[in-house]
Amino acid sequence: MSNLYNKDEKSNTQELIYVSSELGVDIVVLNRLESEQYINKVIEMHRPFKITGHLQLDVDSLTLSLEENEYSYSEHLKSEPTYIFFDQDGLDRRSVVIVKDAKLVGKLMEN
């Protein structure tokens, strides 16, 4: 995987690859074409209000604060694959990571 900007700066995808291997969490990183297709499909389907920083679907959307539950919220998700993509102005704008068990996302992000 190539880093698009600063070669010394670690991308979110690279960090997830490292942390997932350390914790034994199964992930898959889609190739660039698959990632771009997936991201475009999500953006087309949901027409987000904002795609930089945190994705914002609609001004009137229900927003849940993750402050207190940032690393534990995922424990309440189903044990199924979940897709993660990042800030569309950042290093990982063309990267999608699939976490095989959504319940483990918080564990990955915490580390």
Protein backbone atom coordinates (compact mmCIF):
# COMPACT_ATOMS: atom_id res chain seq x y z
CA MET A 1 0.00 0.00 0.00
CA SER A 2 1.41 3.41 -0.87
CA ASN A 3 1.06 6.48 1.28
CA LEU A 4 -0.24 9.30 -0.91
CA TYR A 5 1.45 12.22 0.89
CA ASN A 6 4.10 12.17 3.60
CA LYS A 7 5.94 8.84 3.56
CA ASP A 8 6.70 9.22 7.29
CA GLU A 9 3.04 9.74 8.18
CA LYS A 10 1.17 6.53 8.98
CA SER A 11 -2.30 6.28 7.48
CA ASN A 12 -5.37 5.12 9.38
CA THR A 13 -5.45 2.03 7.18
CA GLN A 14 -1.83 1.20 8.00
CA GLU A 15 -2.57 1.63 11.71
CA LEU A 16 -5.60 -0.68 11.48
CA ILE A 17 -3.53 -3.32 9.67
CA TYR A 18 -0.91 -3.17 12.43
CA VAL A 19 -3.36 -3.10 15.38
CA SER A 20 -5.57 -5.83 13.93
CA SER A 21 -2.57 -8.13 13.52
CA GLU A 22 -1.43 -7.39 17.09
CA LEU A 23 -4.92 -8.08 18.51
CA GLY A 24 -5.81 -10.97 16.22
CA VAL A 25 -8.81 -9.16 14.71
CA ASP A 26 -9.68 -10.21 11.16
CA ILE A 27 -9.79 -7.35 8.65
CA VAL A 28 -9.62 -7.05 4.87
CA VAL A 29 -8.44 -3.97 3.00
CA LEU A 30 -10.19 -3.56 -0.34
CA ASN A 31 -8.00 -2.70 -3.31
CA ARG A 32 -8.12 0.86 -4.59
CA LEU A 33 -10.71 0.24 -7.34
CA GLU A 34 -13.04 -1.71 -5.02
CA SER A 35 -12.62 0.97 -2.36
CA GLU A 36 -13.42 3.81 -4.76
CA GLN A 37 -16.49 1.94 -6.04
CA TYR A 38 -17.74 1.25 -2.50
CA ILE A 39 -17.19 4.83 -1.30
CA ASN A 40 -18.87 6.28 -4.39
CA LYS A 41 -21.83 3.92 -3.94
CA VAL A 42 -22.28 4.98 -0.29
CA ILE A 43 -21.97 8.67 -1.13
CA GLU A 44 -24.40 8.29 -4.05
CA MET A 45 -26.90 6.33 -1.95
CA HIS A 46 -26.86 8.53 1.17
CA ARG A 47 -25.92 11.91 -0.31
CA PRO A 48 -24.00 13.05 2.79
CA PHE A 49 -24.04 16.68 3.83
CA LYS A 50 -20.34 16.43 4.72
CA ILE A 51 -17.59 13.98 3.64
CA THR A 52 -14.57 15.47 5.41
CA GLY A 53 -13.83 14.76 9.04
CA HIS A 54 -16.79 12.69 10.18
CA LEU A 55 -19.35 11.81 7.52
CA GLN A 56 -22.56 13.73 8.08
CA LEU A 57 -25.64 12.31 6.38
CA ASP A 58 -28.15 15.10 6.99
CA VAL A 59 -28.45 18.24 9.05
CA ASP A 60 -31.55 16.78 10.75
CA SER A 61 -30.07 13.28 11.26
CA LEU A 62 -30.07 11.76 14.70
CA THR A 63 -26.60 12.17 16.16
CA LEU A 64 -25.25 9.97 18.91
CA SER A 65 -22.39 11.26 20.99
CA LEU A 66 -19.55 8.78 21.12
CA GLU A 67 -17.59 10.73 23.74
CA GLU A 68 -18.53 8.44 26.63
CA ASN A 69 -18.89 5.29 24.53
CA GLU A 70 -16.26 5.81 21.86
CA TYR A 71 -14.65 2.40 22.32
CA SER A 72 -17.60 0.41 23.67
CA TYR A 73 -20.46 1.31 21.29
CA SER A 74 -19.48 -1.41 18.84
CA GLU A 75 -20.11 -4.11 21.45
CA HIS A 76 -23.82 -3.49 20.78
CA LEU A 77 -23.53 -4.09 17.04
CA LYS A 78 -24.25 -7.41 15.36
CA SER A 79 -21.35 -9.81 14.80
CA GLU A 80 -21.16 -9.19 11.09
CA PRO A 81 -18.72 -7.48 8.74
CA THR A 82 -18.61 -3.70 8.85
CA TYR A 83 -17.02 -1.37 6.34
CA ILE A 84 -14.91 1.61 7.40
CA PHE A 85 -13.75 4.43 5.20
CA PHE A 86 -12.12 7.68 6.16
CA ASP A 87 -12.07 11.44 5.63
CA GLN A 88 -12.41 12.04 1.89
CA ASP A 89 -9.72 14.74 2.00
CA GLY A 90 -7.19 12.64 3.92
CA LEU A 91 -4.51 10.05 3.23
CA ASP A 92 -7.04 7.23 3.23
CA ARG A 93 -9.62 8.79 0.95
CA ARG A 94 -9.43 5.78 -1.39
CA SER A 95 -9.29 3.08 1.27
CA VAL A 96 -11.96 0.80 2.72
CA VAL A 97 -11.27 -1.57 5.60
CA ILE A 98 -13.67 -4.41 6.33
CA VAL A 99 -13.69 -5.54 9.95
CA LYS A 100 -15.05 -9.09 9.92
CA ASP A 101 -16.80 -8.64 13.31
CA ALA A 102 -18.36 -5.21 13.91
CA LYS A 103 -18.32 -5.83 17.68
CA LEU A 104 -14.52 -5.47 17.58
CA VAL A 105 -14.33 -2.01 15.96
CA GLY A 106 -14.06 -0.23 19.32
CA LYS A 107 -11.25 -2.55 20.38
CA LEU A 108 -9.34 -1.68 17.20
CA MET A 109 -9.90 2.07 17.55
CA GLU A 110 -8.92 2.05 21.21
CA ASN A 111 -5.50 0.67 20.40
